[in-house]
Amino acid sequence: MATFGLIIVGDEILSGKRQDKHFAKVVELLGARGLQLSWARYLGDDRDRLVATLRETFAGDDVVFSCGGIGATPDDHTRQAAAAALGVPLVLHPEAERLITERTMEMARDGKAAADMGAPENRQRLKMGEFPEGARIVPNPFNRIPGFNVGAHWFVPGFPVMAWPMIEQVLDDHYRALFHREARGDRSMMVYELAESTLTPLMEAVEREFGGIKVYSLPSVGEGGVRRHIELGAKGAAEQVEPAYERLRAGVLALGGTIL
């Protein structure tokens, strides 16, 4: 199974000026196709840090979606960072040039842009089509200003209205063979009267017995008038979830815990 990762770029996220919406949506898009997100990173508009992160992820085999920072203003660094991480120059992609020109001409007809592509503002717009040499475009159904793809990395804008349909189309066009390849399940119980330290040996034993299962515990300290408890569960290969859950349940009762 492919491993999926997510990079979310933007000082506005880290400063709290805007709330990230990409993480939850990407989890949803993957989950609807029987896939799951393995990791996510939030990065500011820092070119050096972006370069270092992309060098690391380009060296791996993960499918990576990167949201944000592909515009042409001074605080957009993703295109340049990707090129630097790959050791290649930025070049104006001919298809991106065509799409940006078409979009600019539409804006010009509406009085929102100059019709001359040599005008300074339009030369700036064309920079949005400068991608690492060898990159392919990622179509943008919202306004046709494309993102770009290198290997298993897919770079899309930070705007959800653009990014989400682009990611969805990438999944459907390029990773359909991975959809619902492995049935997965998740079942949990609420455990009272036991501490996590008491449950840990049981959790470790269940993971040893069921190789396709991951056991988890989510403790509550009793806020809001709710009794202290632990949500204890098993997730993984669907055919193993039920027997692993029953093994956990029997173990909790043997330890003197209460289950709801």
C-alpha atoms as a PDB file:
ATOM      1  CA  MET A   1       0.000   0.000   0.000  1.00  0.00           C
ATOM      2  CA  ALA A   2       1.171   3.511  -0.809  1.00  0.00           C
ATOM      3  CA  THR A   3       1.840   5.872   2.074  1.00  0.00           C
ATOM      4  CA  PHE A   4       0.196   9.299   1.829  1.00  0.00           C
ATOM      5  CA  GLY A   5       1.561  12.494   3.346  1.00  0.00           C
ATOM      6  CA  LEU A   6       0.361  16.095   3.497  1.00  0.00           C
ATOM      7  CA  ILE A   7       2.309  19.360   3.637  1.00  0.00           C
ATOM      8  CA  ILE A   8       0.400  22.545   4.480  1.00  0.00           C
ATOM      9  CA  VAL A   9       2.287  25.770   3.822  1.00  0.00           C
ATOM     10  CA  GLY A  10       1.618  29.260   5.124  1.00  0.00           C
ATOM     11  CA  ASP A  11       2.544  31.682   7.892  1.00  0.00           C
ATOM     12  CA  GLU A  12      -1.147  32.524   8.195  1.00  0.00           C
ATOM     13  CA  ILE A  13      -1.848  29.010   9.493  1.00  0.00           C
ATOM     14  CA  LEU A  14       0.973  29.006  12.036  1.00  0.00           C
ATOM     15  CA  SER A  15       0.093  32.511  13.263  1.00  0.00           C
ATOM     16  CA  GLY A  16      -3.569  31.621  13.706  1.00  0.00           C
ATOM     17  CA  LYS A  17      -4.828  34.222  11.225  1.00  0.00           C
ATOM     18  CA  ARG A  18      -6.464  31.402   9.299  1.00  0.00           C
ATOM     19  CA  GLN A  19      -7.611  27.992  10.454  1.00  0.00           C
ATOM     20  CA  ASP A  20      -6.387  25.032   8.452  1.00  0.00           C
ATOM     21  CA  LYS A  21      -9.128  23.091   6.686  1.00  0.00           C
ATOM     22  CA  HIS A  22      -6.961  20.910   4.459  1.00  0.00           C
ATOM     23  CA  PHE A  23      -6.055  18.247   7.013  1.00  0.00           C
ATOM     24  CA  ALA A  24      -9.628  17.157   7.744  1.00  0.00           C
ATOM     25  CA  LYS A  25     -10.624  17.290   4.075  1.00  0.00           C
ATOM     26  CA  VAL A  26      -7.671  15.242   2.849  1.00  0.00           C
ATOM     27  CA  VAL A  27      -8.392  12.629   5.535  1.00  0.00           C
ATOM     28  CA  GLU A  28     -11.991  12.564   4.268  1.00  0.00           C
ATOM     29  CA  LEU A  29     -11.008  12.278   0.586  1.00  0.00           C
ATOM     30  CA  LEU A  30      -8.596   9.456   1.301  1.00  0.00           C
ATOM     31  CA  GLY A  31     -10.962   7.646   3.655  1.00  0.00           C
ATOM     32  CA  ALA A  32     -13.759   7.654   1.080  1.00  0.00           C
ATOM     33  CA  ARG A  33     -11.415   5.669  -1.163  1.00  0.00           C
ATOM     34  CA  GLY A  34     -10.221   3.200   1.430  1.00  0.00           C
ATOM     35  CA  LEU A  35      -6.929   5.054   1.933  1.00  0.00           C
ATOM     36  CA  GLN A  36      -5.473   6.835   4.928  1.00  0.00           C
ATOM     37  CA  LEU A  37      -3.140   9.710   5.720  1.00  0.00           C
ATOM     38  CA  SER A  38       0.100   8.598   7.374  1.00  0.00           C
ATOM     39  CA  TRP A  39       1.618  11.971   8.243  1.00  0.00           C
ATOM     40  CA  ALA A  40       1.158  15.728   7.948  1.00  0.00           C
ATOM     41  CA  ARG A  41       3.457  18.726   8.374  1.00  0.00           C
ATOM     42  CA  TYR A  42       2.695  22.411   8.813  1.00  0.00           C
ATOM     43  CA  LEU A  43       5.369  24.756   7.458  1.00  0.00           C
ATOM     44  CA  GLY A  44       5.617  28.532   7.361  1.00  0.00           C
ATOM     45  CA  ASP A  45       6.683  30.654   4.410  1.00  0.00           C
ATOM     46  CA  ASP A  46      10.335  29.836   4.996  1.00  0.00           C
ATOM     47  CA  ARG A  47      12.155  28.801   1.828  1.00  0.00           C
ATOM     48  CA  ASP A  48      15.085  27.094   3.539  1.00  0.00           C
ATOM     49  CA  ARG A  49      12.802  24.961   5.685  1.00  0.00           C
ATOM     50  CA  LEU A  50      10.662  24.105   2.666  1.00  0.00           C
ATOM     51  CA  VAL A  51      13.750  23.066   0.706  1.00  0.00           C
ATOM     52  CA  ALA A  52      14.955  20.832   3.546  1.00  0.00           C
ATOM     53  CA  THR A  53      11.546  19.205   3.952  1.00  0.00           C
ATOM     54  CA  LEU A  54      11.100  18.600   0.232  1.00  0.00           C
ATOM     55  CA  ARG A  55      14.584  17.136  -0.132  1.00  0.00           C
ATOM     56  CA  GLU A  56      13.605  14.633   2.526  1.00  0.00           C
ATOM     57  CA  THR A  57      10.221  13.750   1.025  1.00  0.00           C
ATOM     58  CA  PHE A  58      11.467  13.626  -2.587  1.00  0.00           C
ATOM     59  CA  ALA A  59      14.000  11.033  -1.420  1.00  0.00           C
ATOM     60  CA  GLY A  60      11.183   8.771  -0.160  1.00  0.00           C
ATOM     61  CA  ASP A  61       8.392   6.818  -1.814  1.00  0.00           C
ATOM     62  CA  ASP A  62       5.389   8.532  -0.229  1.00  0.00           C
ATOM     63  CA  VAL A  63       2.606  10.147  -2.210  1.00  0.00           C
ATOM     64  CA  VAL A  64       2.691  13.756  -0.996  1.00  0.00           C
ATOM     65  CA  PHE A  65       0.127  16.514  -1.426  1.00  0.00           C
ATOM     66  CA  SER A  66       1.409  20.031  -0.748  1.00  0.00           C
ATOM     67  CA  CYS A  67      -1.115  22.851  -0.283  1.00  0.00           C
ATOM     68  CA  GLY A  68      -0.120  26.497  -0.557  1.00  0.00           C
ATOM     69  CA  GLY A  69       2.724  28.774  -1.507  1.00  0.00           C
ATOM     70  CA  ILE A  70       2.628  28.260  -5.290  1.00  0.00           C
ATOM     71  CA  GLY A  71       1.599  31.813  -6.189  1.00  0.00           C
ATOM     72  CA  ALA A  72       3.900  34.567  -7.426  1.00  0.00           C
ATOM     73  CA  THR A  73       4.015  37.020  -4.515  1.00  0.00           C
ATOM     74  CA  PRO A  74       7.130  37.479  -2.346  1.00  0.00           C
ATOM     75  CA  ASP A  75       5.728  35.249   0.409  1.00  0.00           C
ATOM     76  CA  ASP A  76       5.203  32.300  -1.968  1.00  0.00           C
ATOM     77  CA  HIS A  77       8.189  29.957  -1.939  1.00  0.00           C
ATOM     78  CA  THR A  78       6.954  26.465  -2.751  1.00  0.00           C
ATOM     79  CA  ARG A  79       7.764  26.450  -6.468  1.00  0.00           C
ATOM     80  CA  GLN A  80      11.288  27.769  -5.875  1.00  0.00           C
ATOM     81  CA  ALA A  81      11.838  25.418  -2.931  1.00  0.00           C
ATOM     82  CA  ALA A  82      10.773  22.392  -4.965  1.00  0.00           C
ATOM     83  CA  ALA A  83      13.191  23.318  -7.755  1.00  0.00           C
ATOM     84  CA  ALA A  84      16.027  23.853  -5.284  1.00  0.00           C
ATOM     85  CA  ALA A  85      15.292  20.542  -3.543  1.00  0.00           C
ATOM     86  CA  LEU A  86      15.455  18.769  -6.901  1.00  0.00           C
ATOM     87  CA  GLY A  87      18.507  20.684  -8.099  1.00  0.00           C
ATOM     88  CA  VAL A  88      16.789  21.900 -11.276  1.00  0.00           C
ATOM     89  CA  PRO A  89      15.856  25.367 -12.567  1.00  0.00           C
ATOM     90  CA  LEU A  90      12.421  26.932 -12.653  1.00  0.00           C
ATOM     91  CA  VAL A  91      11.091  27.102 -16.216  1.00  0.00           C
ATOM     92  CA  LEU A  92       7.864  28.438 -17.679  1.00  0.00           C
ATOM     93  CA  HIS A  93       5.760  25.387 -18.484  1.00  0.00           C
ATOM     94  CA  PRO A  94       4.258  25.835 -21.992  1.00  0.00           C
ATOM     95  CA  GLU A  95       0.862  24.424 -21.052  1.00  0.00           C
ATOM     96  CA  ALA A  96       0.752  26.561 -17.919  1.00  0.00           C
ATOM     97  CA  GLU A  97       1.659  29.596 -20.043  1.00  0.00           C
ATOM     98  CA  ARG A  98      -1.250  28.839 -22.379  1.00  0.00           C
ATOM     99  CA  LEU A  99      -3.734  28.375 -19.544  1.00  0.00           C
ATOM    100  CA  ILE A 100      -2.630  31.515 -17.700  1.00  0.00           C
ATOM    101  CA  THR A 101      -2.802  33.511 -20.930  1.00  0.00           C
ATOM    102  CA  GLU A 102      -6.327  32.261 -21.618  1.00  0.00           C
ATOM    103  CA  ARG A 103      -7.396  33.175 -18.125  1.00  0.00           C
ATOM    104  CA  THR A 104      -5.802  36.616 -18.415  1.00  0.00           C
ATOM    105  CA  MET A 105      -7.584  37.295 -21.708  1.00  0.00           C
ATOM    106  CA  GLU A 106     -10.893  36.414 -20.072  1.00  0.00           C
ATOM    107  CA  MET A 107     -10.118  38.852 -17.274  1.00  0.00           C
ATOM    108  CA  ALA A 108      -9.145  41.485 -19.838  1.00  0.00           C
ATOM    109  CA  ARG A 109     -12.509  41.146 -21.573  1.00  0.00           C
ATOM    110  CA  ASP A 110     -14.139  41.805 -18.196  1.00  0.00           C
ATOM    111  CA  GLY A 111     -11.934  44.830 -17.634  1.00  0.00           C
ATOM    112  CA  LYS A 112      -9.985  43.141 -14.826  1.00  0.00           C
ATOM    113  CA  ALA A 113      -6.591  42.823 -16.532  1.00  0.00           C
ATOM    114  CA  ALA A 114      -4.489  44.227 -19.355  1.00  0.00           C
ATOM    115  CA  ALA A 115      -4.809  42.435 -22.691  1.00  0.00           C
ATOM    116  CA  ASP A 116      -1.071  42.727 -23.386  1.00  0.00           C
ATOM    117  CA  MET A 117       0.779  39.705 -21.959  1.00  0.00           C
ATOM    118  CA  GLY A 118       3.931  41.840 -22.008  1.00  0.00           C
ATOM    119  CA  ALA A 119       2.443  44.185 -19.413  1.00  0.00           C
ATOM    120  CA  PRO A 120       4.262  43.997 -16.036  1.00  0.00           C
ATOM    121  CA  GLU A 121       1.215  42.628 -14.204  1.00  0.00           C
ATOM    122  CA  ASN A 122       0.798  39.860 -16.770  1.00  0.00           C
ATOM    123  CA  ARG A 123       4.473  38.940 -16.763  1.00  0.00           C
ATOM    124  CA  GLN A 124       4.016  38.541 -13.016  1.00  0.00           C
ATOM    125  CA  ARG A 125       0.994  36.297 -13.586  1.00  0.00           C
ATOM    126  CA  LEU A 126       3.061  34.071 -15.873  1.00  0.00           C
ATOM    127  CA  LYS A 127       5.451  33.392 -13.007  1.00  0.00           C
ATOM    128  CA  MET A 128       2.702  31.189 -11.543  1.00  0.00           C
ATOM    129  CA  GLY A 129       3.466  28.848 -14.454  1.00  0.00           C
ATOM    130  CA  GLU A 130       7.183  28.579 -13.658  1.00  0.00           C
ATOM    131  CA  PHE A 131       7.699  25.089 -12.272  1.00  0.00           C
ATOM    132  CA  PRO A 132      10.719  22.857 -11.654  1.00  0.00           C
ATOM    133  CA  GLU A 133      12.133  21.666 -14.959  1.00  0.00           C
ATOM    134  CA  GLY A 134      10.439  18.421 -15.983  1.00  0.00           C
ATOM    135  CA  ALA A 135       7.300  19.008 -13.904  1.00  0.00           C
ATOM    136  CA  ARG A 136       3.820  18.245 -15.183  1.00  0.00           C
ATOM    137  CA  ILE A 137       0.791  20.439 -14.574  1.00  0.00           C
ATOM    138  CA  VAL A 138      -2.069  19.630 -12.224  1.00  0.00           C
ATOM    139  CA  PRO A 139      -5.330  20.979 -13.717  1.00  0.00           C
ATOM    140  CA  ASN A 140      -7.268  23.537 -11.696  1.00  0.00           C
ATOM    141  CA  PRO A 141     -11.010  23.432 -12.521  1.00  0.00           C
ATOM    142  CA  PHE A 142     -11.729  26.632 -10.574  1.00  0.00           C
ATOM    143  CA  ASN A 143      -9.764  29.186 -12.608  1.00  0.00           C
ATOM    144  CA  ARG A 144      -7.437  27.013 -14.762  1.00  0.00           C
ATOM    145  CA  ILE A 145      -4.247  28.362 -13.098  1.00  0.00           C
ATOM    146  CA  PRO A 146      -2.509  24.992 -12.655  1.00  0.00           C
ATOM    147  CA  GLY A 147      -0.551  23.371  -9.913  1.00  0.00           C
ATOM    148  CA  PHE A 148       2.337  21.046 -10.681  1.00  0.00           C
ATOM    149  CA  ASN A 149       3.492  17.497 -10.191  1.00  0.00           C
ATOM    150  CA  VAL A 150       6.933  15.945  -9.808  1.00  0.00           C
ATOM    151  CA  GLY A 151       7.052  12.189  -9.269  1.00  0.00           C
ATOM    152  CA  ALA A 152       4.643  11.336  -6.461  1.00  0.00           C
ATOM    153  CA  HIS A 153       4.476  14.955  -5.208  1.00  0.00           C
ATOM    154  CA  TRP A 154       1.425  17.044  -6.094  1.00  0.00           C
ATOM    155  CA  PHE A 155       1.513  20.792  -5.477  1.00  0.00           C
ATOM    156  CA  VAL A 156      -1.787  22.680  -5.334  1.00  0.00           C
ATOM    157  CA  PRO A 157      -2.891  26.158  -4.198  1.00  0.00           C
ATOM    158  CA  GLY A 158      -3.757  26.969  -0.608  1.00  0.00           C
ATOM    159  CA  PHE A 159      -7.353  27.916  -1.468  1.00  0.00           C
ATOM    160  CA  PRO A 160      -9.659  25.006  -0.522  1.00  0.00           C
ATOM    161  CA  VAL A 161     -12.016  25.754  -3.421  1.00  0.00           C
ATOM    162  CA  MET A 162      -9.114  24.992  -5.763  1.00  0.00           C
ATOM    163  CA  ALA A 163      -7.039  22.498  -3.798  1.00  0.00           C
ATOM    164  CA  TRP A 164      -9.728  19.996  -2.869  1.00  0.00           C
ATOM    165  CA  PRO A 165     -11.102  19.207  -6.353  1.00  0.00           C
ATOM    166  CA  MET A 166      -7.522  19.087  -7.654  1.00  0.00           C
ATOM    167  CA  ILE A 167      -6.507  16.525  -5.016  1.00  0.00           C
ATOM    168  CA  GLU A 168      -9.666  14.521  -5.623  1.00  0.00           C
ATOM    169  CA  GLN A 169      -8.983  14.392  -9.355  1.00  0.00           C
ATOM    170  CA  VAL A 170      -5.377  13.321  -8.767  1.00  0.00           C
ATOM    171  CA  LEU A 171      -6.556  10.462  -6.569  1.00  0.00           C
ATOM    172  CA  ASP A 172      -9.151   9.314  -9.094  1.00  0.00           C
ATOM    173  CA  ASP A 173      -6.855   9.624 -12.110  1.00  0.00           C
ATOM    174  CA  HIS A 174      -3.611   8.245 -10.681  1.00  0.00           C
ATOM    175  CA  TYR A 175      -4.293   6.089  -7.631  1.00  0.00           C
ATOM    176  CA  ARG A 176      -7.577   4.333  -8.376  1.00  0.00           C
ATOM    177  CA  ALA A 177      -5.832   0.955  -8.349  1.00  0.00           C
ATOM    178  CA  LEU A 178      -5.204   1.457  -4.626  1.00  0.00           C
ATOM    179  CA  PHE A 179      -8.816   2.185  -3.679  1.00  0.00           C
ATOM    180  CA  HIS A 180     -10.350  -0.171  -1.122  1.00  0.00           C
ATOM    181  CA  ARG A 181      -7.580  -2.675  -1.640  1.00  0.00           C
ATOM    182  CA  GLU A 182      -7.608  -3.634   2.024  1.00  0.00           C
ATOM    183  CA  ALA A 183     -10.746  -3.666   4.152  1.00  0.00           C
ATOM    184  CA  ARG A 184     -10.052  -1.932   7.456  1.00  0.00           C
ATOM    185  CA  GLY A 185     -11.987  -1.703  10.667  1.00  0.00           C
ATOM    186  CA  ASP A 186     -11.973   0.087  14.021  1.00  0.00           C
ATOM    187  CA  ARG A 187     -13.772  -0.849  17.226  1.00  0.00           C
ATOM    188  CA  SER A 188     -13.351   0.601  20.688  1.00  0.00           C
ATOM    189  CA  MET A 189     -14.760   0.521  24.215  1.00  0.00           C
ATOM    190  CA  MET A 190     -14.867   2.917  27.155  1.00  0.00           C
ATOM    191  CA  VAL A 191     -12.831   1.530  30.055  1.00  0.00           C
ATOM    192  CA  TYR A 192     -13.270   2.745  33.639  1.00  0.00           C
ATOM    193  CA  GLU A 193     -11.357   2.023  36.846  1.00  0.00           C
ATOM    194  CA  LEU A 194      -8.036   1.205  35.125  1.00  0.00           C
ATOM    195  CA  ALA A 195      -4.927   3.276  34.402  1.00  0.00           C
ATOM    196  CA  GLU A 196      -3.094   3.283  31.062  1.00  0.00           C
ATOM    197  CA  SER A 197      -0.020   1.835  32.748  1.00  0.00           C
ATOM    198  CA  THR A 198      -2.125  -1.152  33.814  1.00  0.00           C
ATOM    199  CA  LEU A 199      -3.500  -1.618  30.301  1.00  0.00           C
ATOM    200  CA  THR A 200      -0.180  -1.288  28.468  1.00  0.00           C
ATOM    201  CA  PRO A 201       0.951  -4.939  28.814  1.00  0.00           C
ATOM    202  CA  LEU A 202      -2.451  -6.060  27.500  1.00  0.00           C
ATOM    203  CA  MET A 203      -2.195  -3.688  24.537  1.00  0.00           C
ATOM    204  CA  GLU A 204       1.294  -4.947  23.704  1.00  0.00           C
ATOM    205  CA  ALA A 205       0.150  -8.567  23.938  1.00  0.00           C
ATOM    206  CA  VAL A 206      -2.776  -7.976  21.549  1.00  0.00           C
ATOM    207  CA  GLU A 207      -0.506  -6.323  18.986  1.00  0.00           C
ATOM    208  CA  ARG A 208       1.852  -9.302  19.185  1.00  0.00           C
ATOM    209  CA  GLU A 209      -1.006 -11.750  18.716  1.00  0.00           C
ATOM    210  CA  PHE A 210      -2.664  -9.882  15.848  1.00  0.00           C
ATOM    211  CA  GLY A 211      -0.049  -8.705  13.367  1.00  0.00           C
ATOM    212  CA  GLY A 212      -2.442  -6.578  11.313  1.00  0.00           C
ATOM    213  CA  ILE A 213      -3.801  -4.681  14.299  1.00  0.00           C
ATOM    214  CA  LYS A 214      -2.835  -1.444  16.010  1.00  0.00           C
ATOM    215  CA  VAL A 215      -4.148  -0.967  19.551  1.00  0.00           C
ATOM    216  CA  TYR A 216      -4.784   2.553  20.826  1.00  0.00           C
ATOM    217  CA  SER A 217      -5.818   4.294  24.038  1.00  0.00           C
ATOM    218  CA  LEU A 218      -7.349   7.755  24.325  1.00  0.00           C
ATOM    219  CA  PRO A 219      -7.557   8.798  27.990  1.00  0.00           C
ATOM    220  CA  SER A 220      -9.918  11.389  29.421  1.00  0.00           C
ATOM    221  CA  VAL A 221      -9.041  13.181  32.646  1.00  0.00           C
ATOM    222  CA  GLY A 222     -12.714  13.669  33.485  1.00  0.00           C
ATOM    223  CA  GLU A 223     -13.273  17.216  32.248  1.00  0.00           C
ATOM    224  CA  GLY A 224     -16.804  18.576  31.954  1.00  0.00           C
ATOM    225  CA  GLY A 225     -18.191  16.325  34.663  1.00  0.00           C
ATOM    226  CA  VAL A 226     -17.437  13.154  32.702  1.00  0.00           C
ATOM    227  CA  ARG A 227     -15.910  10.286  34.674  1.00  0.00           C
ATOM    228  CA  ARG A 228     -12.256   9.560  34.036  1.00  0.00           C
ATOM    229  CA  HIS A 229     -12.013   6.843  31.431  1.00  0.00           C
ATOM    230  CA  ILE A 230      -9.958   5.452  28.570  1.00  0.00           C
ATOM    231  CA  GLU A 231     -11.225   4.777  25.078  1.00  0.00           C
ATOM    232  CA  LEU A 232      -9.444   1.524  24.255  1.00  0.00           C
ATOM    233  CA  GLY A 233      -9.635   0.160  20.746  1.00  0.00           C
ATOM    234  CA  ALA A 234      -8.221  -1.921  17.934  1.00  0.00           C
ATOM    235  CA  LYS A 235      -7.942  -0.880  14.283  1.00  0.00           C
ATOM    236  CA  GLY A 236      -6.484  -2.451  11.187  1.00  0.00           C
ATOM    237  CA  ALA A 237      -7.304  -5.416   8.939  1.00  0.00           C
ATOM    238  CA  ALA A 238     -11.075  -5.858   9.100  1.00  0.00           C
ATOM    239  CA  GLU A 239     -10.998  -9.618   9.659  1.00  0.00           C
ATOM    240  CA  GLN A 240      -8.805  -9.176  12.738  1.00  0.00           C
ATOM    241  CA  VAL A 241     -10.571  -6.261  14.404  1.00  0.00           C
ATOM    242  CA  GLU A 242     -13.360  -8.280  16.055  1.00  0.00           C
ATOM    243  CA  PRO A 243     -11.158 -11.018  17.567  1.00  0.00           C
ATOM    244  CA  ALA A 244      -8.626  -8.399  18.693  1.00  0.00           C
ATOM    245  CA  TYR A 245     -11.418  -6.378  20.296  1.00  0.00           C
ATOM    246  CA  GLU A 246     -12.722  -9.442  22.124  1.00  0.00           C
ATOM    247  CA  ARG A 247      -9.213 -10.222  23.352  1.00  0.00           C
ATOM    248  CA  LEU A 248      -8.942  -6.658  24.677  1.00  0.00           C
ATOM    249  CA  ARG A 249     -12.354  -6.883  26.305  1.00  0.00           C
ATOM    250  CA  ALA A 250     -11.534 -10.123  28.072  1.00  0.00           C
ATOM    251  CA  GLY A 251      -8.233  -8.675  29.239  1.00  0.00           C
ATOM    252  CA  VAL A 252      -9.861  -5.538  30.651  1.00  0.00           C
ATOM    253  CA  LEU A 253     -12.392  -7.588  32.612  1.00  0.00           C
ATOM    254  CA  ALA A 254      -9.626  -9.856  33.920  1.00  0.00           C
ATOM    255  CA  LEU A 255      -7.815  -6.744  35.190  1.00  0.00           C
ATOM    256  CA  GLY A 256     -10.931  -5.615  37.086  1.00  0.00           C
ATOM    257  CA  GLY A 257     -11.964  -2.840  34.733  1.00  0.00           C
ATOM    258  CA  THR A 258     -15.492  -1.715  33.893  1.00  0.00           C
ATOM    259  CA  ILE A 259     -16.571  -1.452  30.248  1.00  0.00           C
ATOM    260  CA  LEU A 260     -19.282   0.680  28.713  1.00  0.00           C
END
